[in-house]
């Protein structure tokens, strides 16, 4: 009967496997801790209070549009890129400002001036090759507008898009 001597622990597979798991978890948690300390919290805004107040101001503008019974229908001719807006309600400013807000890329946002033609009809020129889905905002002045109408549309399209005060429904 011959006795075999077991090989030393450092020549076995399992101790190194377990130590590898331990060192991997230490390295990974250290890396995440360093990243958490060095990078800014992107979801938490520094001026969250002012941002909340700005939301209330936007709601007040939309409330004012509802008080004036304002609604608009917007159509962009796919061939000529002419913007035609029919504004119905108690107010008819000489000029309207239409903001086209792209949902994902802020650099693509645009503002277009619409001139009053007659009886609540406004005309302007959209950029060529307007494509994809956009958020639409219509207001009477470039700075500190009194009211605002909102909507969304996908272009190119022959459809008319409704712009409304966009307030949450009251239950």
N, C-alpha and C. Protein backbone atom coordinates (compact mmCIF):
# COMPACT_ATOMS: atom_id res chain seq x y z
N UNK A 1 0.82 -1.15 0.00
CA UNK A 1 0.00 0.00 0.00
C UNK A 1 0.88 1.24 0.00
N UNK A 2 0.67 2.03 -0.98
CA UNK A 2 1.49 3.23 -1.08
C UNK A 2 0.64 4.45 -0.72
N UNK A 3 1.22 5.32 -0.02
CA UNK A 3 0.54 6.55 0.39
C UNK A 3 0.99 7.68 -0.55
N UNK A 4 0.01 8.37 -1.05
CA UNK A 4 0.35 9.52 -1.89
C UNK A 4 0.22 10.78 -1.05
N UNK A 5 1.16 11.57 -1.13
CA UNK A 5 1.10 12.84 -0.39
C UNK A 5 0.31 13.85 -1.23
N UNK A 6 -0.59 14.48 -0.55
CA UNK A 6 -1.35 15.51 -1.30
C UNK A 6 -0.43 16.68 -1.67
N UNK A 7 -0.74 17.28 -2.79
CA UNK A 7 0.06 18.42 -3.22
C UNK A 7 -0.27 19.63 -2.33
N UNK A 8 0.62 20.57 -2.20
CA UNK A 8 0.36 21.72 -1.35
C UNK A 8 -0.84 22.53 -1.86
N UNK A 9 -1.41 23.32 -0.98
CA UNK A 9 -2.65 24.05 -1.28
C UNK A 9 -2.49 24.99 -2.46
N UNK A 10 -1.33 25.61 -2.62
CA UNK A 10 -1.14 26.59 -3.68
C UNK A 10 -1.06 25.94 -5.06
N UNK A 11 -1.02 24.62 -5.11
CA UNK A 11 -1.05 23.94 -6.41
C UNK A 11 -2.44 23.40 -6.74
N UNK A 12 -3.40 23.68 -5.86
CA UNK A 12 -4.78 23.23 -6.08
C UNK A 12 -5.56 24.32 -6.85
N UNK A 13 -6.63 23.93 -7.54
CA UNK A 13 -7.46 24.86 -8.33
C UNK A 13 -8.39 25.69 -7.44
N UNK A 14 -9.12 25.06 -6.53
CA UNK A 14 -10.18 25.72 -5.78
C UNK A 14 -9.73 26.88 -4.90
N UNK A 15 -8.64 26.83 -4.21
CA UNK A 15 -8.25 28.02 -3.44
C UNK A 15 -8.01 29.24 -4.34
N UNK A 16 -7.39 29.03 -5.49
CA UNK A 16 -7.14 30.15 -6.39
C UNK A 16 -8.43 30.68 -7.01
N UNK A 17 -9.36 29.78 -7.27
CA UNK A 17 -10.67 30.20 -7.79
C UNK A 17 -11.39 31.08 -6.77
N UNK A 18 -11.42 30.65 -5.51
CA UNK A 18 -12.10 31.42 -4.47
C UNK A 18 -11.39 32.76 -4.21
N UNK A 19 -10.07 32.75 -4.21
CA UNK A 19 -9.34 34.01 -4.05
C UNK A 19 -9.57 34.94 -5.24
N UNK A 20 -9.68 34.36 -6.43
CA UNK A 20 -9.98 35.17 -7.63
C UNK A 20 -11.32 35.86 -7.51
N UNK A 21 -12.34 35.14 -7.03
CA UNK A 21 -13.65 35.76 -6.82
C UNK A 21 -13.57 36.89 -5.81
N UNK A 22 -12.83 36.67 -4.74
CA UNK A 22 -12.68 37.68 -3.70
C UNK A 22 -12.00 38.93 -4.25
N UNK A 23 -10.90 38.76 -4.96
CA UNK A 23 -10.18 39.91 -5.50
C UNK A 23 -10.98 40.63 -6.59
N UNK A 24 -11.74 39.87 -7.38
CA UNK A 24 -12.58 40.48 -8.41
C UNK A 24 -13.65 41.37 -7.77
N UNK A 25 -14.27 40.89 -6.72
CA UNK A 25 -15.30 41.70 -6.06
C UNK A 25 -14.69 42.92 -5.38
N UNK A 26 -13.52 42.80 -4.81
CA UNK A 26 -12.85 43.96 -4.19
C UNK A 26 -12.49 44.99 -5.26
N UNK A 27 -11.95 44.54 -6.38
CA UNK A 27 -11.59 45.45 -7.47
C UNK A 27 -12.82 46.14 -8.04
N UNK A 28 -13.89 45.38 -8.28
CA UNK A 28 -15.11 45.95 -8.84
C UNK A 28 -15.75 46.96 -7.91
N UNK A 29 -15.85 46.64 -6.62
CA UNK A 29 -16.47 47.59 -5.69
C UNK A 29 -15.61 48.82 -5.51
N UNK A 30 -14.30 48.68 -5.52
CA UNK A 30 -13.41 49.85 -5.42
C UNK A 30 -13.56 50.75 -6.65
N UNK A 31 -13.66 50.16 -7.82
CA UNK A 31 -13.85 50.93 -9.05
C UNK A 31 -15.16 51.70 -9.00
N UNK A 32 -16.24 51.06 -8.59
CA UNK A 32 -17.54 51.73 -8.49
C UNK A 32 -17.53 52.83 -7.44
N UNK A 33 -16.82 52.62 -6.32
CA UNK A 33 -16.72 53.65 -5.29
C UNK A 33 -15.99 54.88 -5.81
N UNK A 34 -14.90 54.67 -6.54
CA UNK A 34 -14.15 55.79 -7.12
C UNK A 34 -15.02 56.53 -8.13
N UNK A 35 -15.74 55.82 -8.98
CA UNK A 35 -16.62 56.46 -9.96
C UNK A 35 -17.73 57.25 -9.28
N UNK A 36 -18.29 56.73 -8.21
CA UNK A 36 -19.35 57.44 -7.49
C UNK A 36 -18.84 58.72 -6.86
N UNK A 37 -17.61 58.72 -6.40
CA UNK A 37 -17.05 59.91 -5.77
C UNK A 37 -16.66 60.96 -6.80
N UNK A 38 -16.08 60.55 -7.92
CA UNK A 38 -15.56 61.49 -8.91
C UNK A 38 -16.60 62.06 -9.85
N UNK A 39 -17.67 61.35 -10.15
CA UNK A 39 -18.65 61.83 -11.13
C UNK A 39 -19.81 62.51 -10.44
N UNK A 40 -20.42 63.44 -11.18
CA UNK A 40 -21.56 64.20 -10.64
C UNK A 40 -22.83 63.36 -10.74
N UNK A 41 -23.77 63.68 -9.89
CA UNK A 41 -25.07 63.02 -9.94
C UNK A 41 -25.89 63.68 -11.03
N UNK A 42 -25.98 63.04 -12.19
CA UNK A 42 -26.64 63.62 -13.34
C UNK A 42 -28.13 63.77 -13.18
N UNK A 43 -28.76 62.96 -12.40
CA UNK A 43 -30.21 63.02 -12.28
C UNK A 43 -30.68 64.04 -11.25
N UNK A 44 -29.80 64.46 -10.36
CA UNK A 44 -30.18 65.43 -9.34
C UNK A 44 -29.67 66.79 -9.78
N UNK A 45 -30.59 67.73 -9.98
CA UNK A 45 -30.20 69.06 -10.43
C UNK A 45 -29.77 69.91 -9.26
N UNK A 46 -28.80 70.76 -9.51
CA UNK A 46 -28.32 71.66 -8.46
C UNK A 46 -29.42 72.64 -8.07
N UNK A 47 -30.18 73.10 -9.05
CA UNK A 47 -31.21 74.11 -8.80
C UNK A 47 -32.60 73.50 -8.87
N UNK A 48 -32.80 72.42 -8.15
CA UNK A 48 -34.07 71.70 -8.24
C UNK A 48 -35.24 72.56 -7.78
N UNK A 49 -35.02 73.45 -6.84
CA UNK A 49 -36.11 74.31 -6.34
C UNK A 49 -36.56 75.28 -7.43
N UNK A 50 -35.60 75.93 -8.11
CA UNK A 50 -35.94 76.85 -9.18
C UNK A 50 -36.59 76.11 -10.34
N UNK A 51 -36.13 74.90 -10.59
CA UNK A 51 -36.73 74.08 -11.65
C UNK A 51 -38.19 73.78 -11.33
N UNK A 52 -38.48 73.47 -10.09
CA UNK A 52 -39.87 73.23 -9.68
C UNK A 52 -40.73 74.47 -9.81
N UNK A 53 -40.18 75.63 -9.48
CA UNK A 53 -40.92 76.88 -9.63
C UNK A 53 -41.18 77.17 -11.10
N UNK A 54 -40.23 76.84 -11.96
CA UNK A 54 -40.41 77.06 -13.40
C UNK A 54 -41.55 76.19 -13.94
N UNK A 55 -41.67 74.98 -13.42
CA UNK A 55 -42.78 74.12 -13.84
C UNK A 55 -44.11 74.76 -13.47
N UNK A 56 -44.19 75.35 -12.29
CA UNK A 56 -45.43 76.03 -11.88
C UNK A 56 -45.73 77.22 -12.78
N UNK A 57 -44.72 77.94 -13.24
CA UNK A 57 -44.93 79.06 -14.15
C UNK A 57 -45.46 78.57 -15.49
N UNK A 58 -44.95 77.43 -15.97
CA UNK A 58 -45.42 76.86 -17.23
C UNK A 58 -46.89 76.46 -17.10
N UNK A 59 -47.24 75.86 -15.97
CA UNK A 59 -48.64 75.50 -15.75
C UNK A 59 -49.53 76.73 -15.70
N UNK A 60 -49.02 77.84 -15.16
CA UNK A 60 -49.80 79.07 -15.11
C UNK A 60 -50.02 79.61 -16.53
N UNK A 61 -49.03 79.49 -17.41
CA UNK A 61 -49.18 79.94 -18.80
C UNK A 61 -50.23 79.11 -19.52
N UNK A 62 -50.22 77.82 -19.27
CA UNK A 62 -51.21 76.95 -19.90
C UNK A 62 -52.60 77.20 -19.31
N UNK A 63 -52.68 77.54 -18.03
CA UNK A 63 -53.96 77.89 -17.40
C UNK A 63 -54.50 79.17 -18.03
N UNK A 64 -53.62 80.14 -18.29
CA UNK A 64 -54.03 81.39 -18.92
C UNK A 64 -54.57 81.13 -20.33
N UNK A 65 -53.95 80.23 -21.08
CA UNK A 65 -54.44 79.88 -22.41
C UNK A 65 -55.82 79.26 -22.33
N UNK A 66 -56.05 78.47 -21.29
CA UNK A 66 -57.37 77.87 -21.11
C UNK A 66 -58.41 78.94 -20.77
N UNK A 67 -58.03 79.92 -19.95
CA UNK A 67 -58.95 81.01 -19.61
C UNK A 67 -59.33 81.82 -20.84
N UNK A 68 -58.41 81.98 -21.78
CA UNK A 68 -58.68 82.72 -23.01
C UNK A 68 -59.35 81.86 -24.08
N UNK A 69 -59.64 80.59 -23.76
CA UNK A 69 -60.25 79.64 -24.70
C UNK A 69 -59.44 79.51 -25.99
N UNK A 70 -58.13 79.43 -25.85
CA UNK A 70 -57.27 79.35 -27.02
C UNK A 70 -57.03 77.90 -27.42
N UNK A 71 -57.17 77.64 -28.70
CA UNK A 71 -56.77 76.38 -29.33
C UNK A 71 -56.22 76.74 -30.71
N UNK A 72 -55.36 75.90 -31.22
CA UNK A 72 -54.80 76.16 -32.54
C UNK A 72 -54.69 74.85 -33.30
N UNK A 73 -54.80 74.96 -34.61
CA UNK A 73 -54.53 73.84 -35.50
C UNK A 73 -53.33 74.20 -36.35
N UNK A 74 -52.38 73.28 -36.40
CA UNK A 74 -51.13 73.53 -37.12
C UNK A 74 -50.98 72.50 -38.23
N UNK A 75 -50.58 72.98 -39.38
CA UNK A 75 -50.29 72.09 -40.49
C UNK A 75 -49.03 72.57 -41.18
N UNK A 76 -48.15 71.63 -41.51
CA UNK A 76 -46.94 71.96 -42.26
C UNK A 76 -47.04 71.24 -43.60
N UNK A 77 -47.05 72.04 -44.65
CA UNK A 77 -47.14 71.47 -46.00
C UNK A 77 -45.85 70.70 -46.30
N UNK A 78 -45.96 69.39 -46.59
CA UNK A 78 -44.75 68.60 -46.81
C UNK A 78 -43.97 68.99 -48.07
N UNK A 79 -44.63 69.62 -49.04
CA UNK A 79 -43.95 69.99 -50.28
C UNK A 79 -43.22 71.33 -50.16
N UNK A 80 -43.90 72.34 -49.57
CA UNK A 80 -43.33 73.69 -49.52
C UNK A 80 -42.76 74.06 -48.16
N UNK A 81 -43.02 73.26 -47.14
CA UNK A 81 -42.60 73.52 -45.76
C UNK A 81 -43.25 74.77 -45.17
N UNK A 82 -44.39 75.20 -45.74
CA UNK A 82 -45.13 76.32 -45.17
C UNK A 82 -45.86 75.87 -43.91
N UNK A 83 -45.78 76.69 -42.87
CA UNK A 83 -46.51 76.42 -41.63
C UNK A 83 -47.76 77.27 -41.64
N UNK A 84 -48.90 76.63 -41.44
CA UNK A 84 -50.18 77.33 -41.38
C UNK A 84 -50.79 77.03 -40.01
N UNK A 85 -51.04 78.08 -39.24
CA UNK A 85 -51.65 77.94 -37.91
C UNK A 85 -52.94 78.72 -37.90
N UNK A 86 -54.01 78.06 -37.46
CA UNK A 86 -55.29 78.73 -37.26
C UNK A 86 -55.52 78.80 -35.76
N UNK A 87 -55.50 80.02 -35.21
CA UNK A 87 -55.66 80.25 -33.78
C UNK A 87 -57.09 80.68 -33.51
N UNK A 88 -57.77 79.98 -32.64
CA UNK A 88 -59.12 80.32 -32.24
C UNK A 88 -59.11 80.67 -30.76
N UNK A 89 -59.83 81.73 -30.41
CA UNK A 89 -59.90 82.15 -29.02
C UNK A 89 -59.99 83.65 -28.88
N UNK A 90 -59.76 84.13 -27.67
CA UNK A 90 -59.98 85.53 -27.34
C UNK A 90 -58.80 86.44 -27.68
N UNK A 91 -57.69 85.93 -28.14
CA UNK A 91 -56.53 86.77 -28.38
C UNK A 91 -55.95 86.51 -29.76
N UNK A 92 -55.52 87.59 -30.42
CA UNK A 92 -54.91 87.49 -31.75
C UNK A 92 -53.69 88.40 -31.83
N UNK A 93 -52.55 87.96 -31.33
CA UNK A 93 -51.35 88.81 -31.43
C UNK A 93 -50.87 88.92 -32.88
N UNK A 94 -50.06 89.93 -33.15
CA UNK A 94 -49.53 90.14 -34.50
C UNK A 94 -48.54 89.07 -34.91
N UNK A 95 -47.91 88.42 -33.95
CA UNK A 95 -46.86 87.45 -34.23
C UNK A 95 -46.97 86.32 -33.21
N UNK A 96 -46.71 85.12 -33.65
CA UNK A 96 -46.63 83.95 -32.76
C UNK A 96 -45.27 83.31 -32.92
N UNK A 97 -44.84 82.64 -31.87
CA UNK A 97 -43.57 81.92 -31.89
C UNK A 97 -43.86 80.44 -31.71
N UNK A 98 -43.37 79.65 -32.63
CA UNK A 98 -43.55 78.20 -32.59
C UNK A 98 -42.20 77.57 -32.27
N UNK A 99 -42.17 76.83 -31.18
CA UNK A 99 -40.96 76.09 -30.82
C UNK A 99 -41.14 74.65 -31.26
N UNK A 100 -40.18 74.14 -31.99
CA UNK A 100 -40.11 72.73 -32.36
C UNK A 100 -39.05 72.10 -31.47
N UNK A 101 -39.46 71.23 -30.58
CA UNK A 101 -38.55 70.61 -29.62
C UNK A 101 -38.38 69.15 -29.97
N UNK A 102 -37.16 68.76 -30.26
CA UNK A 102 -36.86 67.36 -30.57
C UNK A 102 -36.76 66.59 -29.26
N UNK A 103 -37.43 65.44 -29.14
CA UNK A 103 -37.50 64.74 -27.85
C UNK A 103 -36.17 64.31 -27.25
N UNK A 104 -35.17 64.00 -28.07
CA UNK A 104 -33.96 63.42 -27.51
C UNK A 104 -32.71 64.28 -27.65
N UNK A 105 -32.66 65.15 -28.65
CA UNK A 105 -31.44 65.93 -28.90
C UNK A 105 -31.78 67.42 -28.84
N UNK A 106 -31.35 68.09 -27.79
CA UNK A 106 -31.67 69.50 -27.61
C UNK A 106 -31.07 70.41 -28.66
N UNK A 107 -29.98 69.99 -29.32
CA UNK A 107 -29.35 70.82 -30.34
C UNK A 107 -30.23 70.97 -31.58
N UNK A 108 -31.22 70.12 -31.74
CA UNK A 108 -32.08 70.18 -32.92
C UNK A 108 -33.30 71.09 -32.71
N UNK A 109 -33.49 71.61 -31.49
CA UNK A 109 -34.64 72.48 -31.20
C UNK A 109 -34.58 73.73 -32.07
N UNK A 110 -35.77 74.22 -32.47
CA UNK A 110 -35.83 75.40 -33.34
C UNK A 110 -37.00 76.27 -32.91
N UNK A 111 -36.90 77.56 -33.19
CA UNK A 111 -38.00 78.49 -32.95
C UNK A 111 -38.29 79.23 -34.25
N UNK A 112 -39.57 79.28 -34.60
CA UNK A 112 -40.00 79.86 -35.86
C UNK A 112 -41.00 80.96 -35.58
N UNK A 113 -40.85 82.10 -36.24
CA UNK A 113 -41.77 83.23 -36.09
C UNK A 113 -42.88 83.08 -37.12
N UNK A 114 -44.12 83.22 -36.65
CA UNK A 114 -45.29 83.14 -37.52
C UNK A 114 -45.96 84.51 -37.56
N UNK A 115 -46.25 85.01 -38.75
CA UNK A 115 -46.86 86.33 -38.92
C UNK A 115 -48.38 86.19 -39.11
N UNK A 116 -49.13 87.11 -38.49
CA UNK A 116 -50.59 87.13 -38.60
C UNK A 116 -50.99 87.60 -40.00
N UNK A 117 -51.82 86.81 -40.66
CA UNK A 117 -52.28 87.16 -42.00
C UNK A 117 -53.68 87.76 -41.93
N UNK A 118 -54.63 87.00 -41.38
CA UNK A 118 -56.00 87.48 -41.22
C UNK A 118 -56.80 86.49 -40.40
N UNK A 119 -57.77 86.98 -39.67
CA UNK A 119 -58.75 86.16 -38.94
C UNK A 119 -58.13 85.00 -38.17
N UNK A 120 -57.06 85.24 -37.48
CA UNK A 120 -56.45 84.20 -36.67
C UNK A 120 -55.58 83.22 -37.44
N UNK A 121 -55.29 83.51 -38.68
CA UNK A 121 -54.43 82.64 -39.49
C UNK A 121 -53.02 83.22 -39.49
N UNK A 122 -52.06 82.34 -39.22
CA UNK A 122 -50.65 82.72 -39.14
C UNK A 122 -49.84 81.86 -40.11
N UNK A 123 -48.82 82.47 -40.72
CA UNK A 123 -47.98 81.76 -41.67
C UNK A 123 -46.51 81.89 -41.28
N UNK A 124 -45.76 80.85 -41.60
CA UNK A 124 -44.32 80.85 -41.36
C UNK A 124 -43.67 79.80 -42.25
N UNK A 125 -42.37 79.68 -42.12
CA UNK A 125 -41.63 78.73 -42.95
C UNK A 125 -40.88 77.75 -42.06
N UNK A 126 -41.15 76.46 -42.24
CA UNK A 126 -40.47 75.40 -41.48
C UNK A 126 -39.16 75.05 -42.18
N UNK A 127 -38.24 74.45 -41.44
CA UNK A 127 -37.02 73.99 -42.10
C UNK A 127 -37.34 72.86 -43.08
N UNK A 128 -36.54 72.77 -44.13
CA UNK A 128 -36.73 71.69 -45.11
C UNK A 128 -36.41 70.35 -44.46
N UNK A 129 -37.02 69.32 -45.00
CA UNK A 129 -36.79 67.94 -44.54
C UNK A 129 -37.06 67.76 -43.05
N UNK A 130 -38.13 68.34 -42.56
CA UNK A 130 -38.51 68.15 -41.17
C UNK A 130 -39.03 66.72 -41.03
N UNK A 131 -38.38 65.94 -40.19
CA UNK A 131 -38.72 64.52 -40.04
C UNK A 131 -38.82 64.15 -38.58
N UNK A 132 -39.46 63.04 -38.34
CA UNK A 132 -39.59 62.41 -37.02
C UNK A 132 -40.63 63.13 -36.15
N UNK A 133 -40.68 62.74 -34.90
CA UNK A 133 -41.66 63.28 -33.95
C UNK A 133 -41.07 64.49 -33.23
N UNK A 134 -41.89 65.52 -33.06
CA UNK A 134 -41.47 66.76 -32.40
C UNK A 134 -42.54 67.17 -31.39
N UNK A 135 -42.11 67.84 -30.32
CA UNK A 135 -43.02 68.51 -29.40
C UNK A 135 -43.19 69.93 -29.92
N UNK A 136 -44.41 70.43 -29.87
CA UNK A 136 -44.73 71.74 -30.41
C UNK A 136 -45.19 72.66 -29.28
N UNK A 137 -44.68 73.88 -29.24
CA UNK A 137 -45.11 74.88 -28.28
C UNK A 137 -45.37 76.18 -29.04
N UNK A 138 -46.54 76.76 -28.79
CA UNK A 138 -46.94 77.99 -29.45
C UNK A 138 -47.18 79.05 -28.39
N UNK A 139 -46.55 80.23 -28.53
CA UNK A 139 -46.74 81.30 -27.56
C UNK A 139 -46.64 82.65 -28.25
N UNK A 140 -47.15 83.72 -27.59
CA UNK A 140 -47.27 85.02 -28.27
C UNK A 140 -46.02 85.90 -28.27
N UNK A 141 -45.02 85.62 -27.44
CA UNK A 141 -43.82 86.46 -27.45
C UNK A 141 -42.60 85.60 -27.16
N UNK A 142 -41.46 86.12 -27.58
CA UNK A 142 -40.22 85.35 -27.41
C UNK A 142 -39.78 85.33 -25.95
N UNK A 143 -40.02 86.42 -25.23
CA UNK A 143 -39.61 86.50 -23.83
C UNK A 143 -40.83 86.74 -22.94
N UNK A 144 -40.94 85.99 -21.88
CA UNK A 144 -42.02 86.08 -20.90
C UNK A 144 -43.41 86.04 -21.55
N UNK A 145 -43.73 84.95 -22.26
CA UNK A 145 -45.05 84.87 -22.88
C UNK A 145 -46.14 84.75 -21.82
N UNK A 146 -47.31 85.29 -22.16
CA UNK A 146 -48.45 85.28 -21.23
C UNK A 146 -49.14 83.91 -21.22
N UNK A 147 -49.19 83.24 -22.36
CA UNK A 147 -49.85 81.94 -22.46
C UNK A 147 -49.03 81.03 -23.36
N UNK A 148 -49.43 79.74 -23.35
CA UNK A 148 -48.71 78.76 -24.16
C UNK A 148 -49.65 77.61 -24.52
N UNK A 149 -49.57 77.17 -25.77
CA UNK A 149 -50.29 76.00 -26.25
C UNK A 149 -49.26 74.92 -26.59
N UNK A 150 -49.62 73.66 -26.36
CA UNK A 150 -48.67 72.57 -26.59
C UNK A 150 -49.33 71.47 -27.41
N UNK A 151 -48.49 70.67 -28.04
CA UNK A 151 -48.95 69.52 -28.81
C UNK A 151 -47.74 68.75 -29.30
N UNK A 152 -47.99 67.78 -30.14
CA UNK A 152 -46.88 67.05 -30.75
C UNK A 152 -47.30 66.56 -32.12
N UNK A 153 -46.30 66.37 -32.98
CA UNK A 153 -46.59 65.92 -34.32
C UNK A 153 -45.42 65.16 -34.92
N UNK A 154 -45.74 64.31 -35.88
CA UNK A 154 -44.73 63.56 -36.62
C UNK A 154 -44.72 64.06 -38.06
N UNK A 155 -43.56 64.35 -38.56
CA UNK A 155 -43.44 64.93 -39.88
C UNK A 155 -42.56 64.07 -40.76
N UNK A 156 -42.71 64.11 -42.07
CA UNK A 156 -43.68 64.88 -42.84
C UNK A 156 -45.08 64.27 -42.74
N UNK A 157 -46.08 65.15 -42.81
CA UNK A 157 -47.45 64.70 -42.68
C UNK A 157 -48.39 65.72 -43.31
N UNK A 158 -49.50 65.24 -43.86
CA UNK A 158 -50.54 66.12 -44.37
C UNK A 158 -51.58 66.43 -43.31
N UNK A 159 -51.45 65.84 -42.13
CA UNK A 159 -52.43 66.01 -41.06
C UNK A 159 -52.31 67.38 -40.41
N UNK A 160 -53.41 67.78 -39.76
CA UNK A 160 -53.40 68.95 -38.89
C UNK A 160 -53.17 68.47 -37.47
N UNK A 161 -52.38 69.22 -36.72
CA UNK A 161 -52.09 68.86 -35.34
C UNK A 161 -52.72 69.90 -34.43
N UNK A 162 -53.41 69.43 -33.40
CA UNK A 162 -54.08 70.33 -32.46
C UNK A 162 -53.10 70.77 -31.38
N UNK A 163 -53.10 72.07 -31.11
CA UNK A 163 -52.32 72.62 -30.01
C UNK A 163 -53.31 73.14 -28.98
N UNK A 164 -53.21 72.64 -27.78
CA UNK A 164 -54.16 72.96 -26.71
C UNK A 164 -53.40 73.41 -25.47
N UNK A 165 -54.13 73.94 -24.47
CA UNK A 165 -53.44 74.31 -23.24
C UNK A 165 -52.72 73.14 -22.58
N UNK A 166 -53.15 71.92 -22.80
CA UNK A 166 -52.44 70.75 -22.32
C UNK A 166 -52.45 70.57 -20.82
N UNK A 167 -53.47 71.06 -20.15
CA UNK A 167 -53.55 70.90 -18.70
C UNK A 167 -54.03 69.50 -18.35
N UNK A 168 -53.60 68.98 -17.20
CA UNK A 168 -54.11 67.69 -16.80
C UNK A 168 -55.62 67.77 -16.57
N UNK A 169 -56.31 66.69 -16.92
CA UNK A 169 -57.76 66.71 -16.76
C UNK A 169 -58.14 66.71 -15.29
N UNK A 170 -59.22 67.41 -15.02
CA UNK A 170 -59.69 67.52 -13.64
C UNK A 170 -60.72 66.44 -13.37
N UNK A 171 -60.57 65.74 -12.27
CA UNK A 171 -61.46 64.63 -11.97
C UNK A 171 -62.51 64.98 -11.10
